[in-house]
Amino acid sequence: MDICRIGLIGAGNVGRRHAQVLGSFPDVHLAGITDVVPEAAAALARDVGCRPFPGTGELLSAGLDAVYVCVPPFAHGAPEAVVLSAGVPLFVEKPLAATAETAERVGVQVAAAGVLTAVGHHWRYLKVVERARRLLDGRAVRLVGGTWLDKVPPVGWWPVRDRLRRSAFLLRCAWAIALMRYRS
């Protein structure tokens, strides 16, 4: 069996979830983790049985097959640029960025790198989404409504500066917007 060596950038709540899921696959080896908070990378690496790295460059030197970028919305851009410039495939946790400018810049870098990439819109693979697509096929959608039925994530960066408005909208709506676009 071929083993896929994955590196993880971001040791917060979402990074932890991905690390735990990746660790459950027999054909995946989580090779290492880096985070801007070295203690967070060390703690998560210890918990999932891999190695912490002081930075993205050092993580990439571990001979990776792909990298998961699991950072807060405002921190996207720089990690993707480093990974893409190394020519390594990457998975990016949504939303891709906190600004359209950053998302566009990453898009240009992805196109130039020519490597496999994905953004984590996994809801589109749910059976209920496929059923909705079949039911709506050929019909014009005139109104879409939604309600957020959860709490604010318990992370320290959430209320920082003006990130609250932008991040709250992006984090809560990224899934719904992606599903609406997937439907069409």
Protein backbone atom coordinates (compact mmCIF):
# COMPACT_ATOMS: atom_id res chain seq x y z
CA MET A 1 0.00 0.00 0.00
CA ASP A 2 1.29 3.45 -0.90
CA ILE A 3 1.44 5.84 2.04
CA CYS A 4 0.60 9.52 1.50
CA ARG A 5 2.77 11.81 3.63
CA ILE A 6 0.76 14.84 4.79
CA GLY A 7 1.92 18.01 6.52
CA LEU A 8 -0.42 20.24 8.47
CA ILE A 9 -0.21 24.01 8.80
CA GLY A 10 -2.35 25.20 11.70
CA ALA A 11 -2.76 23.48 15.06
CA GLY A 12 -6.04 25.06 16.16
CA ASN A 13 -9.45 23.41 16.48
CA VAL A 14 -9.89 22.73 12.76
CA GLY A 15 -6.30 21.56 12.34
CA ARG A 16 -6.82 19.18 15.25
CA ARG A 17 -9.96 17.71 13.65
CA HIS A 18 -8.15 17.17 10.35
CA ALA A 19 -5.14 15.63 12.10
CA GLN A 20 -7.38 13.16 13.92
CA VAL A 21 -9.25 12.19 10.75
CA LEU A 22 -6.05 11.88 8.71
CA GLY A 23 -4.58 9.70 11.44
CA SER A 24 -7.46 7.25 11.04
CA PHE A 25 -6.60 6.40 7.42
CA PRO A 26 -4.27 3.42 6.99
CA ASP A 27 -2.70 4.92 3.85
CA VAL A 28 -1.90 8.34 5.38
CA HIS A 29 1.09 9.30 7.49
CA LEU A 30 0.85 12.68 9.20
CA ALA A 31 4.48 13.69 8.85
CA GLY A 32 4.37 16.92 10.82
CA ILE A 33 2.62 20.04 12.02
CA THR A 34 3.57 23.70 12.16
CA ASP A 35 1.78 26.66 13.68
CA VAL A 36 2.59 30.30 14.46
CA VAL A 37 2.24 29.24 18.09
CA PRO A 38 5.01 26.63 18.45
CA GLU A 39 3.51 25.28 21.68
CA ALA A 40 0.24 24.53 19.86
CA ALA A 41 2.09 22.64 17.12
CA ALA A 42 4.07 20.70 19.72
CA ALA A 43 0.94 19.79 21.71
CA LEU A 44 -1.01 18.61 18.67
CA ALA A 45 2.00 16.73 17.28
CA ARG A 46 2.38 14.97 20.61
CA ASP A 47 -1.34 14.10 20.72
CA VAL A 48 -1.41 12.61 17.21
CA GLY A 49 2.06 11.07 17.23
CA CYS A 50 3.98 13.16 14.73
CA ARG A 51 6.68 15.81 14.70
CA PRO A 52 6.28 19.57 15.22
CA PHE A 53 8.15 21.89 12.86
CA PRO A 54 9.15 25.50 13.55
CA GLY A 55 7.89 26.78 10.17
CA THR A 56 6.37 25.96 6.83
CA GLY A 57 9.74 25.72 5.07
CA GLU A 58 10.99 23.16 7.57
CA LEU A 59 7.73 21.21 7.30
CA LEU A 60 8.07 21.10 3.50
CA SER A 61 11.59 19.68 3.86
CA ALA A 62 10.04 16.51 5.35
CA GLY A 63 9.31 15.08 1.89
CA LEU A 64 5.56 15.63 1.84
CA ASP A 65 3.06 14.45 -0.75
CA ALA A 66 0.53 17.13 0.24
CA VAL A 67 -0.18 19.82 2.82
CA TYR A 68 -3.37 20.74 4.66
CA VAL A 69 -3.66 24.48 5.37
CA CYS A 70 -5.96 24.91 8.38
CA VAL A 71 -5.48 28.50 9.48
CA PRO A 72 -8.00 31.24 10.42
CA PRO A 73 -9.46 33.19 7.46
CA PHE A 74 -7.24 36.24 8.01
CA ALA A 75 -4.07 34.10 7.96
CA HIS A 76 -4.59 32.61 4.50
CA GLY A 77 -2.34 33.70 1.65
CA ALA A 78 1.20 33.32 2.92
CA PRO A 79 1.01 29.59 3.81
CA GLU A 80 -0.52 28.73 0.45
CA ALA A 81 2.12 30.77 -1.39
CA VAL A 82 4.98 28.90 0.29
CA VAL A 83 3.42 25.47 -0.35
CA LEU A 84 2.54 26.27 -3.96
CA SER A 85 5.98 27.70 -4.70
CA ALA A 86 7.39 24.35 -3.54
CA GLY A 87 5.09 22.58 -6.01
CA VAL A 88 3.30 20.56 -3.33
CA PRO A 89 -0.44 19.76 -3.64
CA LEU A 90 -2.59 21.31 -0.97
CA PHE A 91 -5.96 21.16 0.72
CA VAL A 92 -7.19 24.50 2.08
CA GLU A 93 -9.73 24.70 4.86
CA LYS A 94 -12.50 27.15 4.00
CA PRO A 95 -12.94 29.95 3.58
CA LEU A 96 -10.01 30.40 1.24
CA ALA A 97 -9.34 33.91 2.53
CA ALA A 98 -10.81 36.86 4.40
CA THR A 99 -10.54 39.15 1.37
CA ALA A 100 -11.25 38.75 -2.33
CA GLU A 101 -7.76 40.09 -3.08
CA THR A 102 -6.08 37.30 -1.11
CA ALA A 103 -8.33 34.66 -2.67
CA GLU A 104 -7.58 35.95 -6.17
CA ARG A 105 -3.84 36.02 -5.46
CA VAL A 106 -3.95 32.41 -4.22
CA GLY A 107 -5.96 31.47 -7.32
CA VAL A 108 -3.28 32.89 -9.58
CA GLN A 109 -0.60 31.01 -7.61
CA VAL A 110 -2.58 27.77 -7.88
CA ALA A 111 -2.88 28.17 -11.65
CA ALA A 112 0.84 28.90 -11.97
CA ALA A 113 1.87 25.97 -9.77
CA GLY A 114 -0.25 23.47 -11.67
CA VAL A 115 -0.63 21.18 -8.65
CA LEU A 116 -3.68 19.42 -7.30
CA THR A 117 -5.62 21.61 -4.88
CA ALA A 118 -8.94 21.50 -3.04
CA VAL A 119 -10.95 23.69 -0.70
CA GLY A 120 -12.82 21.85 2.06
CA HIS A 121 -16.42 22.06 0.88
CA HIS A 122 -17.29 18.54 1.96
CA TRP A 123 -21.00 19.17 2.52
CA ARG A 124 -21.57 18.89 -1.23
CA TYR A 125 -21.01 15.14 -0.91
CA LEU A 126 -23.87 14.60 1.55
CA LYS A 127 -26.78 12.48 0.33
CA VAL A 128 -29.25 15.24 1.19
CA VAL A 129 -27.39 17.65 -1.11
CA GLU A 130 -27.55 15.21 -4.01
CA ARG A 131 -31.27 14.74 -3.35
CA ALA A 132 -31.81 18.51 -3.31
CA ARG A 133 -29.90 18.83 -6.59
CA ARG A 134 -32.18 16.23 -8.19
CA LEU A 135 -35.33 17.92 -6.84
CA LEU A 136 -34.23 21.36 -8.01
CA ASP A 137 -32.87 20.27 -11.39
CA GLY A 138 -34.31 22.49 -14.09
CA ARG A 139 -36.12 24.75 -11.65
CA ALA A 140 -35.34 28.41 -11.11
CA VAL A 141 -34.42 29.16 -7.49
CA ARG A 142 -35.82 32.51 -6.46
CA LEU A 143 -35.22 32.58 -2.73
CA VAL A 144 -32.76 30.90 -0.42
CA GLY A 145 -33.05 31.19 3.34
CA GLY A 146 -30.84 29.95 6.11
CA THR A 147 -30.29 30.09 9.83
CA TRP A 148 -27.12 29.55 11.82
CA LEU A 149 -27.93 27.17 14.67
CA ASP A 150 -24.63 27.05 16.47
CA LYS A 151 -22.49 29.16 18.77
CA VAL A 152 -19.55 31.40 18.00
CA PRO A 153 -16.38 29.28 17.76
CA PRO A 154 -14.36 29.35 20.99
CA VAL A 155 -11.20 30.77 19.46
CA GLY A 156 -9.21 33.78 20.58
CA TRP A 157 -8.89 35.40 17.16
CA TRP A 158 -12.67 35.56 16.51
CA PRO A 159 -13.37 38.99 18.10
CA VAL A 160 -10.04 40.61 17.20
CA ARG A 161 -10.27 44.07 15.57
CA ASP A 162 -12.67 44.17 12.62
CA ARG A 163 -12.33 40.46 11.95
CA LEU A 164 -15.59 39.71 13.75
CA ARG A 165 -17.91 40.95 11.01
CA ARG A 166 -15.87 39.59 8.11
CA SER A 167 -14.98 36.26 9.69
CA ALA A 168 -18.45 35.65 11.08
CA PHE A 169 -19.99 36.09 7.64
CA LEU A 170 -17.36 34.04 5.86
CA LEU A 171 -17.28 31.19 8.33
CA ARG A 172 -21.02 30.87 8.63
CA CYS A 173 -21.91 31.42 4.99
CA ALA A 174 -19.05 29.74 3.11
CA TRP A 175 -20.77 26.36 3.21
CA ALA A 176 -24.17 27.67 2.12
CA ILE A 177 -22.75 29.80 -0.69
CA ALA A 178 -20.63 26.90 -1.94
CA LEU A 179 -23.68 24.61 -1.93
CA MET A 180 -25.77 27.15 -3.84
CA ARG A 181 -23.05 27.49 -6.47
CA TYR A 182 -22.62 23.70 -6.62
CA ARG A 183 -26.33 23.33 -7.32
CA SER A 184 -26.19 25.47 -10.44
